[in-house]
Amino acid sequence: LSGFASRTVRSSCEVRDWTVGKSATQVWLSVQCAMIRGVTRGVVFFAGPESGSPPPAACWPEDAGACADLANLSNAALTHQCVVTDTRPPDTDSGLGCGRSAVPFPSSGRAGAVVIELTDFKESESQPLIDLLQFGIPWLEVLNREEAANARLVEVVELLGIALEQGRFRAAATGVATDLALRLDCERVSFGTVRRGH
């Protein structure tokens, strides 16, 4: 990847400030795009339960706006479960063409694809780009698992807070059961206790 991926070293403080308030997928995509020279747009899509193009899970730059053309490439990669690359001829202003590569991946049981667009794209550089993305995809899985685990931990702490707000056991149990019913969209919830082993 020498000459293709630019080496950007950030201090721990810079990375911490950069990632505050962002999803794991957005952070991962931003890191990938920071390592790729000439990238103009990047987007991650996760396949939805219905046909059609789901909204992007992450975009780079974050204000990239509509990415319908990249969504089409992502759908092709997901449908055929293979890398899809296309090139565009040079435009009249810059004289530079562009290329896009869509790489499919599984993540936490959901299929997805990352699409990267480059200026001054050369066919000889498509494989190093694909290799770089495929090397980074396992880290996306790790980040998403950690994010999901943290979200579950927050829910547990919130439920504990609901229980501790009450002065009596019955009120605490009712509060926890009610909150769980709302979170899980349950029609009916029962809360049982064990006395003398029964």
N, C-alpha and C. Protein backbone atom coordinates (compact mmCIF):
# COMPACT_ATOMS: atom_id res chain seq x y z
N LEU A 1 0.82 -1.21 0.00
CA LEU A 1 0.00 0.00 0.00
C LEU A 1 0.85 1.26 0.00
N SER A 2 2.18 1.10 -0.09
CA SER A 2 3.06 2.25 -0.10
C SER A 2 2.72 3.16 -1.27
N GLY A 3 2.62 4.47 -1.01
CA GLY A 3 2.27 5.42 -2.05
C GLY A 3 0.79 5.53 -2.28
N PHE A 4 0.00 4.66 -1.70
CA PHE A 4 -1.45 4.72 -1.87
C PHE A 4 -2.12 5.21 -0.61
N ALA A 5 -1.77 4.60 0.52
CA ALA A 5 -2.36 5.03 1.79
C ALA A 5 -1.44 6.04 2.44
N SER A 6 -1.98 7.21 2.74
CA SER A 6 -1.18 8.23 3.43
C SER A 6 -1.15 7.88 4.90
N ARG A 7 -0.01 8.09 5.55
CA ARG A 7 0.15 7.74 6.96
C ARG A 7 -0.16 8.95 7.81
N THR A 8 -1.26 8.91 8.51
CA THR A 8 -1.66 10.02 9.36
C THR A 8 -1.63 9.56 10.79
N VAL A 9 -0.77 10.19 11.62
CA VAL A 9 -0.65 9.83 13.02
C VAL A 9 -1.29 10.93 13.84
N ARG A 10 -2.24 10.58 14.69
CA ARG A 10 -2.92 11.54 15.54
C ARG A 10 -2.61 11.23 16.99
N SER A 11 -2.56 12.26 17.81
CA SER A 11 -2.37 12.04 19.24
C SER A 11 -3.64 11.47 19.82
N SER A 12 -3.55 10.85 21.02
CA SER A 12 -4.72 10.27 21.65
C SER A 12 -5.75 11.33 21.95
N CYS A 13 -5.32 12.55 22.29
CA CYS A 13 -6.27 13.63 22.58
C CYS A 13 -7.03 14.02 21.33
N GLU A 14 -6.31 14.10 20.18
CA GLU A 14 -6.96 14.46 18.93
C GLU A 14 -8.01 13.42 18.55
N VAL A 15 -7.67 12.13 18.69
CA VAL A 15 -8.61 11.07 18.34
C VAL A 15 -9.82 11.10 19.26
N ARG A 16 -9.57 11.34 20.57
CA ARG A 16 -10.68 11.38 21.52
C ARG A 16 -11.64 12.51 21.16
N ASP A 17 -11.11 13.69 20.86
CA ASP A 17 -11.96 14.82 20.50
C ASP A 17 -12.71 14.55 19.20
N TRP A 18 -12.05 13.86 18.29
CA TRP A 18 -12.59 13.60 16.96
C TRP A 18 -13.77 12.62 17.01
N THR A 19 -13.77 11.70 17.97
CA THR A 19 -14.76 10.63 17.99
C THR A 19 -15.94 10.89 18.92
N VAL A 20 -15.89 11.95 19.73
CA VAL A 20 -16.96 12.20 20.70
C VAL A 20 -18.30 12.39 19.97
N GLY A 21 -19.30 11.66 20.43
CA GLY A 21 -20.65 11.82 19.89
C GLY A 21 -20.89 11.17 18.54
N LYS A 22 -19.96 10.38 18.05
CA LYS A 22 -20.12 9.75 16.75
C LYS A 22 -20.33 8.25 16.91
N SER A 23 -21.07 7.66 15.97
CA SER A 23 -21.30 6.22 16.02
C SER A 23 -20.01 5.49 15.67
N ALA A 24 -19.97 4.21 16.06
CA ALA A 24 -18.79 3.40 15.75
C ALA A 24 -18.57 3.30 14.25
N THR A 25 -19.65 3.20 13.48
CA THR A 25 -19.53 3.10 12.03
C THR A 25 -18.97 4.39 11.43
N GLN A 26 -19.42 5.54 11.96
CA GLN A 26 -18.91 6.83 11.46
C GLN A 26 -17.43 7.00 11.77
N VAL A 27 -17.03 6.61 12.97
CA VAL A 27 -15.62 6.71 13.35
C VAL A 27 -14.78 5.82 12.44
N TRP A 28 -15.23 4.59 12.23
CA TRP A 28 -14.48 3.65 11.39
C TRP A 28 -14.33 4.19 9.98
N LEU A 29 -15.42 4.69 9.40
CA LEU A 29 -15.35 5.21 8.02
C LEU A 29 -14.41 6.41 7.94
N SER A 30 -14.46 7.29 8.94
CA SER A 30 -13.59 8.46 8.94
C SER A 30 -12.12 8.06 8.98
N VAL A 31 -11.80 7.02 9.77
CA VAL A 31 -10.42 6.54 9.85
C VAL A 31 -9.99 5.95 8.50
N GLN A 32 -10.87 5.17 7.88
CA GLN A 32 -10.52 4.58 6.58
C GLN A 32 -10.25 5.68 5.55
N CYS A 33 -11.13 6.68 5.51
CA CYS A 33 -10.97 7.74 4.51
C CYS A 33 -9.74 8.59 4.78
N ALA A 34 -9.34 8.72 6.05
CA ALA A 34 -8.14 9.48 6.39
C ALA A 34 -6.88 8.78 5.89
N MET A 35 -6.94 7.47 5.70
CA MET A 35 -5.77 6.71 5.26
C MET A 35 -5.67 6.61 3.74
N ILE A 36 -6.71 7.02 3.03
CA ILE A 36 -6.74 6.83 1.58
C ILE A 36 -6.52 8.16 0.87
N ARG A 37 -5.49 8.24 0.08
CA ARG A 37 -5.19 9.48 -0.65
C ARG A 37 -6.13 9.62 -1.84
N GLY A 38 -6.70 10.81 -1.99
CA GLY A 38 -7.55 11.09 -3.14
C GLY A 38 -9.01 10.74 -2.96
N VAL A 39 -9.42 10.32 -1.76
CA VAL A 39 -10.82 9.96 -1.55
C VAL A 39 -11.67 11.23 -1.54
N THR A 40 -12.80 11.17 -2.23
CA THR A 40 -13.73 12.30 -2.26
C THR A 40 -15.00 12.03 -1.48
N ARG A 41 -15.43 10.77 -1.50
CA ARG A 41 -16.62 10.39 -0.73
C ARG A 41 -16.48 8.96 -0.24
N GLY A 42 -17.10 8.69 0.90
CA GLY A 42 -17.18 7.34 1.43
C GLY A 42 -18.52 7.16 2.10
N VAL A 43 -19.05 5.97 2.04
CA VAL A 43 -20.35 5.71 2.66
C VAL A 43 -20.44 4.25 3.07
N VAL A 44 -21.13 4.00 4.18
CA VAL A 44 -21.40 2.63 4.63
C VAL A 44 -22.90 2.43 4.65
N PHE A 45 -23.35 1.35 4.05
CA PHE A 45 -24.75 0.96 4.06
C PHE A 45 -24.89 -0.39 4.75
N PHE A 46 -25.95 -0.56 5.54
CA PHE A 46 -26.33 -1.87 6.05
C PHE A 46 -27.63 -2.27 5.35
N ALA A 47 -27.69 -3.53 4.95
CA ALA A 47 -28.88 -4.00 4.25
C ALA A 47 -30.08 -3.94 5.18
N GLY A 48 -31.20 -3.46 4.67
CA GLY A 48 -32.42 -3.38 5.45
C GLY A 48 -33.27 -4.61 5.26
N PRO A 49 -34.34 -4.75 6.07
CA PRO A 49 -35.21 -5.92 5.94
C PRO A 49 -36.03 -5.91 4.66
N GLU A 50 -36.20 -4.74 4.04
CA GLU A 50 -36.98 -4.63 2.83
C GLU A 50 -36.07 -4.30 1.66
N SER A 51 -36.61 -4.53 0.46
CA SER A 51 -35.83 -4.21 -0.73
C SER A 51 -35.74 -2.70 -0.90
N GLY A 52 -34.79 -2.27 -1.70
CA GLY A 52 -34.57 -0.84 -1.88
C GLY A 52 -33.32 -0.40 -1.15
N SER A 53 -33.01 0.87 -1.29
CA SER A 53 -31.78 1.40 -0.71
C SER A 53 -32.04 1.96 0.69
N PRO A 54 -31.44 1.38 1.72
CA PRO A 54 -31.59 1.92 3.07
C PRO A 54 -30.78 3.21 3.19
N PRO A 55 -31.07 4.04 4.18
CA PRO A 55 -30.26 5.24 4.37
C PRO A 55 -28.85 4.86 4.79
N PRO A 56 -27.87 5.71 4.47
CA PRO A 56 -26.49 5.37 4.85
C PRO A 56 -26.31 5.36 6.36
N ALA A 57 -25.52 4.41 6.85
CA ALA A 57 -25.20 4.35 8.28
C ALA A 57 -24.11 5.35 8.63
N ALA A 58 -23.29 5.72 7.64
CA ALA A 58 -22.22 6.70 7.86
C ALA A 58 -21.81 7.27 6.51
N CYS A 59 -21.43 8.55 6.52
CA CYS A 59 -20.96 9.22 5.31
C CYS A 59 -19.67 9.96 5.60
N TRP A 60 -18.81 10.06 4.59
CA TRP A 60 -17.63 10.90 4.69
C TRP A 60 -17.46 11.65 3.39
N PRO A 61 -17.31 12.98 3.43
CA PRO A 61 -17.47 13.79 4.64
C PRO A 61 -18.89 13.70 5.17
N GLU A 62 -19.07 14.07 6.42
CA GLU A 62 -20.36 13.85 7.07
C GLU A 62 -21.47 14.66 6.44
N ASP A 63 -21.14 15.73 5.74
CA ASP A 63 -22.16 16.54 5.06
C ASP A 63 -22.20 16.22 3.56
N ALA A 64 -21.89 14.98 3.21
CA ALA A 64 -21.81 14.59 1.80
C ALA A 64 -23.15 14.70 1.09
N GLY A 65 -24.25 14.66 1.85
CA GLY A 65 -25.57 14.79 1.23
C GLY A 65 -26.00 13.49 0.56
N ALA A 66 -26.79 13.63 -0.51
CA ALA A 66 -27.35 12.46 -1.19
C ALA A 66 -26.24 11.62 -1.81
N CYS A 67 -26.37 10.31 -1.66
CA CYS A 67 -25.37 9.38 -2.21
C CYS A 67 -26.07 8.28 -3.00
N ALA A 68 -27.05 8.68 -3.81
CA ALA A 68 -27.84 7.68 -4.53
C ALA A 68 -26.97 6.85 -5.46
N ASP A 69 -25.98 7.48 -6.11
CA ASP A 69 -25.13 6.74 -7.03
C ASP A 69 -24.27 5.72 -6.29
N LEU A 70 -23.82 6.08 -5.08
CA LEU A 70 -23.04 5.13 -4.29
C LEU A 70 -23.93 4.03 -3.72
N ALA A 71 -25.19 4.38 -3.43
CA ALA A 71 -26.13 3.38 -2.93
C ALA A 71 -26.38 2.31 -3.99
N ASN A 72 -26.46 2.71 -5.24
CA ASN A 72 -26.67 1.74 -6.32
C ASN A 72 -25.49 0.77 -6.41
N LEU A 73 -24.29 1.30 -6.25
CA LEU A 73 -23.10 0.44 -6.29
C LEU A 73 -23.09 -0.50 -5.08
N SER A 74 -23.50 0.02 -3.92
CA SER A 74 -23.58 -0.82 -2.71
C SER A 74 -24.58 -1.95 -2.90
N ASN A 75 -25.74 -1.63 -3.47
CA ASN A 75 -26.76 -2.67 -3.71
C ASN A 75 -26.23 -3.76 -4.63
N ALA A 76 -25.47 -3.37 -5.64
CA ALA A 76 -24.91 -4.36 -6.56
C ALA A 76 -23.93 -5.28 -5.82
N ALA A 77 -23.09 -4.70 -4.95
CA ALA A 77 -22.13 -5.51 -4.19
C ALA A 77 -22.84 -6.45 -3.24
N LEU A 78 -23.93 -5.97 -2.59
CA LEU A 78 -24.67 -6.81 -1.65
C LEU A 78 -25.44 -7.91 -2.38
N THR A 79 -26.00 -7.58 -3.53
CA THR A 79 -26.78 -8.56 -4.29
C THR A 79 -25.91 -9.71 -4.78
N HIS A 80 -24.73 -9.37 -5.29
CA HIS A 80 -23.84 -10.39 -5.87
C HIS A 80 -22.80 -10.89 -4.88
N GLN A 81 -22.73 -10.26 -3.69
CA GLN A 81 -21.76 -10.63 -2.66
C GLN A 81 -20.34 -10.70 -3.20
N CYS A 82 -19.99 -9.63 -3.91
CA CYS A 82 -18.62 -9.52 -4.42
C CYS A 82 -18.28 -8.05 -4.55
N VAL A 83 -16.99 -7.77 -4.68
CA VAL A 83 -16.54 -6.39 -4.86
C VAL A 83 -16.98 -5.88 -6.22
N VAL A 84 -17.51 -4.66 -6.25
CA VAL A 84 -17.94 -4.04 -7.50
C VAL A 84 -17.18 -2.73 -7.66
N THR A 85 -16.54 -2.55 -8.82
CA THR A 85 -15.79 -1.33 -9.10
C THR A 85 -16.25 -0.74 -10.43
N ASP A 86 -16.39 0.58 -10.46
CA ASP A 86 -16.67 1.23 -11.73
C ASP A 86 -15.84 2.50 -11.84
N THR A 87 -15.65 2.96 -13.06
CA THR A 87 -14.86 4.16 -13.31
C THR A 87 -15.69 5.15 -14.11
N ARG A 88 -15.38 6.42 -13.92
CA ARG A 88 -16.03 7.50 -14.67
C ARG A 88 -14.97 8.22 -15.50
N PRO A 89 -15.32 8.63 -16.72
CA PRO A 89 -14.33 9.34 -17.54
C PRO A 89 -13.99 10.71 -16.96
N PRO A 90 -12.85 11.28 -17.34
CA PRO A 90 -12.47 12.60 -16.82
C PRO A 90 -13.50 13.66 -17.16
N ASP A 91 -13.75 14.58 -16.20
CA ASP A 91 -14.67 15.68 -16.50
C ASP A 91 -13.91 16.80 -17.20
N THR A 92 -14.66 17.72 -17.77
CA THR A 92 -14.04 18.77 -18.59
C THR A 92 -13.31 19.81 -17.76
N ASP A 93 -13.69 19.99 -16.49
CA ASP A 93 -13.07 21.01 -15.65
C ASP A 93 -11.70 20.59 -15.14
N SER A 94 -11.67 19.44 -14.45
CA SER A 94 -10.41 19.02 -13.82
C SER A 94 -9.56 18.12 -14.70
N GLY A 95 -10.20 17.49 -15.67
CA GLY A 95 -9.48 16.53 -16.50
C GLY A 95 -9.19 15.22 -15.80
N LEU A 96 -9.76 15.04 -14.60
CA LEU A 96 -9.53 13.83 -13.82
C LEU A 96 -10.78 12.96 -13.82
N GLY A 97 -10.56 11.67 -13.99
CA GLY A 97 -11.65 10.73 -13.85
C GLY A 97 -11.81 10.33 -12.40
N CYS A 98 -12.78 9.49 -12.12
CA CYS A 98 -12.93 8.99 -10.76
C CYS A 98 -13.33 7.52 -10.81
N GLY A 99 -13.10 6.85 -9.72
CA GLY A 99 -13.48 5.45 -9.62
C GLY A 99 -14.09 5.19 -8.27
N ARG A 100 -14.98 4.21 -8.22
CA ARG A 100 -15.62 3.83 -6.97
C ARG A 100 -15.53 2.33 -6.80
N SER A 101 -15.30 1.91 -5.57
CA SER A 101 -15.28 0.49 -5.25
C SER A 101 -16.22 0.23 -4.08
N ALA A 102 -17.04 -0.80 -4.21
CA ALA A 102 -17.96 -1.21 -3.15
C ALA A 102 -17.54 -2.58 -2.66
N VAL A 103 -17.31 -2.68 -1.35
CA VAL A 103 -16.85 -3.93 -0.74
C VAL A 103 -17.90 -4.42 0.24
N PRO A 104 -18.51 -5.59 0.01
CA PRO A 104 -19.53 -6.10 0.92
C PRO A 104 -18.90 -6.75 2.15
N PHE A 105 -19.66 -6.81 3.24
CA PHE A 105 -19.17 -7.44 4.46
C PHE A 105 -20.34 -7.84 5.35
N PRO A 106 -20.15 -8.87 6.21
CA PRO A 106 -21.13 -9.17 7.25
C PRO A 106 -20.76 -8.40 8.51
N SER A 107 -21.75 -7.94 9.28
CA SER A 107 -21.47 -7.23 10.53
C SER A 107 -22.60 -7.47 11.51
N SER A 108 -22.29 -8.16 12.63
CA SER A 108 -23.27 -8.42 13.69
C SER A 108 -24.56 -9.01 13.13
N GLY A 109 -24.39 -9.94 12.20
CA GLY A 109 -25.56 -10.60 11.64
C GLY A 109 -26.22 -9.83 10.51
N ARG A 110 -25.75 -8.59 10.21
CA ARG A 110 -26.33 -7.80 9.14
C ARG A 110 -25.32 -7.64 8.01
N ALA A 111 -25.79 -7.83 6.79
CA ALA A 111 -24.90 -7.59 5.66
C ALA A 111 -24.78 -6.10 5.43
N GLY A 112 -23.64 -5.69 4.91
CA GLY A 112 -23.42 -4.28 4.63
C GLY A 112 -22.38 -4.12 3.54
N ALA A 113 -22.12 -2.87 3.16
CA ALA A 113 -21.10 -2.59 2.16
C ALA A 113 -20.53 -1.20 2.42
N VAL A 114 -19.25 -1.06 2.16
CA VAL A 114 -18.59 0.24 2.21
C VAL A 114 -18.22 0.62 0.78
N VAL A 115 -18.51 1.87 0.42
CA VAL A 115 -18.23 2.36 -0.93
C VAL A 115 -17.30 3.57 -0.81
N ILE A 116 -16.22 3.55 -1.56
CA ILE A 116 -15.25 4.64 -1.56
C ILE A 116 -15.12 5.18 -2.98
N GLU A 117 -15.11 6.51 -3.09
CA GLU A 117 -14.92 7.17 -4.39
C GLU A 117 -13.60 7.92 -4.37
N LEU A 118 -12.83 7.76 -5.45
CA LEU A 118 -11.51 8.39 -5.56
C LEU A 118 -11.42 9.24 -6.82
N THR A 119 -10.66 10.34 -6.73
CA THR A 119 -10.32 11.09 -7.93
C THR A 119 -9.02 10.55 -8.50
N ASP A 120 -8.79 10.87 -9.77
CA ASP A 120 -7.57 10.42 -10.45
C ASP A 120 -7.36 8.93 -10.24
N PHE A 121 -8.43 8.17 -10.43
CA PHE A 121 -8.43 6.74 -10.14
C PHE A 121 -7.72 5.97 -11.25
N LYS A 122 -6.90 5.02 -10.85
CA LYS A 122 -6.22 4.16 -11.81
C LYS A 122 -6.60 2.71 -11.51
N GLU A 123 -6.82 1.95 -12.57
CA GLU A 123 -7.22 0.55 -12.39
C GLU A 123 -6.21 -0.21 -11.54
N SER A 124 -4.94 0.16 -11.66
CA SER A 124 -3.89 -0.54 -10.91
C SER A 124 -4.01 -0.31 -9.41
N GLU A 125 -4.77 0.74 -9.01
CA GLU A 125 -4.90 1.06 -7.59
C GLU A 125 -6.17 0.46 -6.97
N SER A 126 -6.99 -0.19 -7.77
CA SER A 126 -8.24 -0.71 -7.22
C SER A 126 -8.00 -1.84 -6.22
N GLN A 127 -7.05 -2.73 -6.51
CA GLN A 127 -6.82 -3.85 -5.59
C GLN A 127 -6.23 -3.40 -4.27
N PRO A 128 -5.24 -2.47 -4.24
CA PRO A 128 -4.77 -1.97 -2.94
C PRO A 128 -5.87 -1.32 -2.12
N LEU A 129 -6.78 -0.59 -2.77
CA LEU A 129 -7.91 0.02 -2.07
C LEU A 129 -8.80 -1.05 -1.46
N ILE A 130 -9.12 -2.06 -2.24
CA ILE A 130 -9.97 -3.16 -1.76
C ILE A 130 -9.30 -3.88 -0.61
N ASP A 131 -7.98 -4.14 -0.74
CA ASP A 131 -7.25 -4.82 0.33
C ASP A 131 -7.29 -4.00 1.63
N LEU A 132 -7.12 -2.69 1.52
CA LEU A 132 -7.14 -1.82 2.69
C LEU A 132 -8.49 -1.87 3.38
N LEU A 133 -9.57 -1.81 2.61
CA LEU A 133 -10.91 -1.84 3.19
C LEU A 133 -11.20 -3.20 3.83
N GLN A 134 -10.82 -4.27 3.15
CA GLN A 134 -11.07 -5.60 3.69
C GLN A 134 -10.26 -5.84 4.96
N PHE A 135 -9.08 -5.26 5.04
CA PHE A 135 -8.26 -5.37 6.24
C PHE A 135 -8.93 -4.65 7.41
N GLY A 136 -9.63 -3.54 7.13
CA GLY A 136 -10.25 -2.75 8.18
C GLY A 136 -11.62 -3.24 8.61
N ILE A 137 -12.27 -4.06 7.79
CA ILE A 137 -13.65 -4.48 8.09
C ILE A 137 -13.77 -5.23 9.42
N PRO A 138 -12.84 -6.13 9.80
CA PRO A 138 -12.96 -6.78 11.12
C PRO A 138 -12.99 -5.78 12.27
N TRP A 139 -12.30 -4.65 12.12
CA TRP A 139 -12.33 -3.63 13.17
C TRP A 139 -13.70 -2.98 13.27
N LEU A 140 -14.38 -2.85 12.15
CA LEU A 140 -15.75 -2.32 12.19
C LEU A 140 -16.65 -3.24 13.00
N GLU A 141 -16.48 -4.56 12.82
CA GLU A 141 -17.26 -5.53 13.59
C GLU A 141 -16.98 -5.39 15.08
N VAL A 142 -15.71 -5.23 15.44
CA VAL A 142 -15.34 -5.08 16.86
C VAL A 142 -15.96 -3.81 17.43
N LEU A 143 -15.85 -2.70 16.70
CA LEU A 143 -16.39 -1.43 17.18
C LEU A 143 -17.90 -1.50 17.36
N ASN A 144 -18.60 -2.13 16.41
CA ASN A 144 -20.06 -2.22 16.51
C ASN A 144 -20.48 -3.10 17.68
N ARG A 145 -19.72 -4.16 17.95
CA ARG A 145 -20.03 -5.02 19.10
C ARG A 145 -19.83 -4.26 20.41
N GLU A 146 -18.75 -3.48 20.49
CA GLU A 146 -18.51 -2.69 21.70
C GLU A 146 -19.59 -1.64 21.89
N GLU A 147 -20.01 -1.02 20.79
CA GLU A 147 -21.07 -0.01 20.87
C GLU A 147 -22.37 -0.63 21.36
N ALA A 148 -22.70 -1.83 20.86
CA ALA A 148 -23.92 -2.51 21.29
C ALA A 148 -23.83 -2.90 22.76
N ALA A 149 -22.65 -3.37 23.19
CA ALA A 149 -22.47 -3.76 24.60
C ALA A 149 -22.60 -2.54 25.50
N ASN A 150 -22.04 -1.40 25.09
CA ASN A 150 -22.15 -0.18 25.88
C ASN A 150 -23.60 0.28 25.99
N ALA A 151 -24.35 0.12 24.89
CA ALA A 151 -25.76 0.52 24.91
C ALA A 151 -26.55 -0.35 25.89
N ARG A 152 -26.24 -1.66 25.93
CA ARG A 152 -26.93 -2.54 26.87
C ARG A 152 -26.56 -2.18 28.31
N LEU A 153 -25.29 -1.82 28.55
CA LEU A 153 -24.87 -1.43 29.88
C LEU A 153 -25.61 -0.18 30.33
N VAL A 154 -25.80 0.77 29.43
CA VAL A 154 -26.54 1.99 29.76
C VAL A 154 -27.97 1.65 30.14
N GLU A 155 -28.59 0.72 29.43
CA GLU A 155 -29.96 0.32 29.75
C GLU A 155 -30.04 -0.31 31.14
N VAL A 156 -29.06 -1.14 31.48
CA VAL A 156 -29.04 -1.78 32.80
C VAL A 156 -28.93 -0.72 33.90
N VAL A 157 -28.04 0.25 33.70
CA VAL A 157 -27.86 1.31 34.70
C VAL A 157 -29.14 2.13 34.83
N GLU A 158 -29.80 2.40 33.72
CA GLU A 158 -31.05 3.16 33.77
C GLU A 158 -32.13 2.39 34.53
N LEU A 159 -32.22 1.09 34.31
CA LEU A 159 -33.19 0.27 35.04
C LEU A 159 -32.87 0.24 36.53
N LEU A 160 -31.58 0.16 36.85
CA LEU A 160 -31.17 0.19 38.25
C LEU A 160 -31.58 1.51 38.90
N GLY A 161 -31.42 2.60 38.16
CA GLY A 161 -31.82 3.90 38.67
C GLY A 161 -33.31 3.98 38.94
N ILE A 162 -34.10 3.40 38.05
CA ILE A 162 -35.55 3.38 38.24
C ILE A 162 -35.91 2.63 39.51
N ALA A 163 -35.24 1.49 39.73
CA ALA A 163 -35.53 0.69 40.92
C ALA A 163 -35.13 1.43 42.20
N LEU A 164 -33.97 2.10 42.16
CA LEU A 164 -33.47 2.76 43.37
C LEU A 164 -34.24 4.03 43.72
N GLU A 165 -34.97 4.57 42.75
CA GLU A 165 -35.77 5.76 43.03
C GLU A 165 -36.94 5.46 43.97
N GLN A 166 -37.36 4.19 44.00
CA GLN A 166 -38.54 3.82 44.77
C GLN A 166 -38.14 3.41 46.19
N GLY A 167 -39.04 3.68 47.10
CA GLY A 167 -38.76 3.35 48.50
C GLY A 167 -39.16 1.94 48.89
N ARG A 168 -40.03 1.33 48.09
CA ARG A 168 -40.53 -0.01 48.44
C ARG A 168 -40.30 -0.97 47.28
N PHE A 169 -40.17 -2.27 47.63
CA PHE A 169 -39.86 -3.28 46.62
C PHE A 169 -40.93 -3.36 45.54
N ARG A 170 -42.21 -3.38 45.94
CA ARG A 170 -43.30 -3.52 44.95
C ARG A 170 -43.27 -2.37 43.95
N ALA A 171 -43.05 -1.14 44.44
CA ALA A 171 -43.00 0.02 43.54
C ALA A 171 -41.79 -0.07 42.60
N ALA A 172 -40.66 -0.55 43.15
CA ALA A 172 -39.46 -0.70 42.31
C ALA A 172 -39.68 -1.75 41.23
N ALA A 173 -40.28 -2.88 41.61
CA ALA A 173 -40.55 -3.95 40.65
C ALA A 173 -41.52 -3.48 39.57
N THR A 174 -42.54 -2.76 39.98
CA THR A 174 -43.51 -2.25 39.01
C THR A 174 -42.87 -1.26 38.05
N GLY A 175 -42.01 -0.39 38.59
CA GLY A 175 -41.33 0.58 37.73
C GLY A 175 -40.42 -0.08 36.72
N VAL A 176 -39.65 -1.09 37.15
CA VAL A 176 -38.75 -1.80 36.23
C VAL A 176 -39.55 -2.55 35.17
N ALA A 177 -40.63 -3.22 35.59
CA ALA A 177 -41.45 -3.98 34.64
C ALA A 177 -42.09 -3.05 33.61
N THR A 178 -42.56 -1.90 34.06
CA THR A 178 -43.18 -0.94 33.15
C THR A 178 -42.17 -0.42 32.13
N ASP A 179 -40.97 -0.08 32.60
CA ASP A 179 -39.94 0.43 31.69
C ASP A 179 -39.52 -0.64 30.68
N LEU A 180 -39.37 -1.89 31.14
CA LEU A 180 -39.03 -2.96 30.21
C LEU A 180 -40.12 -3.17 29.17
N ALA A 181 -41.38 -3.08 29.62
CA ALA A 181 -42.49 -3.24 28.68
C ALA A 181 -42.45 -2.17 27.58
N LEU A 182 -42.11 -0.95 27.96
CA LEU A 182 -42.04 0.14 26.98
C LEU A 182 -40.85 -0.06 26.05
N ARG A 183 -39.69 -0.44 26.60
CA ARG A 183 -38.50 -0.63 25.77
C ARG A 183 -38.67 -1.77 24.77
N LEU A 184 -39.31 -2.85 25.22
CA LEU A 184 -39.43 -4.05 24.40
C LEU A 184 -40.76 -4.13 23.66
N ASP A 185 -41.59 -3.09 23.82
CA ASP A 185 -42.89 -3.03 23.15
C ASP A 185 -43.75 -4.25 23.48
N CYS A 186 -43.81 -4.57 24.78
CA CYS A 186 -44.59 -5.72 25.24
C CYS A 186 -46.02 -5.30 25.56
N GLU A 187 -46.96 -6.20 25.33
CA GLU A 187 -48.35 -5.94 25.68
C GLU A 187 -48.63 -6.27 27.15
N ARG A 188 -47.89 -7.25 27.65
CA ARG A 188 -48.11 -7.67 29.04
C ARG A 188 -46.80 -8.14 29.66
N VAL A 189 -46.53 -7.71 30.88
CA VAL A 189 -45.31 -8.10 31.58
C VAL A 189 -45.67 -8.55 32.98
N SER A 190 -45.09 -9.65 33.42
CA SER A 190 -45.29 -10.14 34.79
C SER A 190 -43.96 -10.14 35.51
N PHE A 191 -43.99 -9.83 36.80
CA PHE A 191 -42.78 -9.81 37.61
C PHE A 191 -43.04 -10.73 38.81
N GLY A 192 -42.28 -11.82 38.89
CA GLY A 192 -42.51 -12.80 39.94
C GLY A 192 -41.39 -12.82 40.95
N THR A 193 -41.67 -13.29 42.13
CA THR A 193 -40.66 -13.44 43.18
C THR A 193 -40.70 -14.87 43.71
N VAL A 194 -39.60 -15.30 44.29
CA VAL A 194 -39.49 -16.64 44.87
C VAL A 194 -39.47 -16.52 46.39
N ARG A 195 -40.34 -17.29 47.06
CA ARG A 195 -40.38 -17.31 48.52
C ARG A 195 -40.26 -18.75 48.98
N ARG A 196 -39.32 -18.97 49.89
CA ARG A 196 -39.11 -20.28 50.47
C ARG A 196 -38.89 -21.36 49.40
N GLY A 197 -38.17 -20.97 48.37
CA GLY A 197 -37.80 -21.95 47.34
C GLY A 197 -38.88 -22.27 46.34
N HIS A 198 -40.03 -21.56 46.37
CA HIS A 198 -41.15 -21.85 45.46
C HIS A 198 -41.50 -20.60 44.65
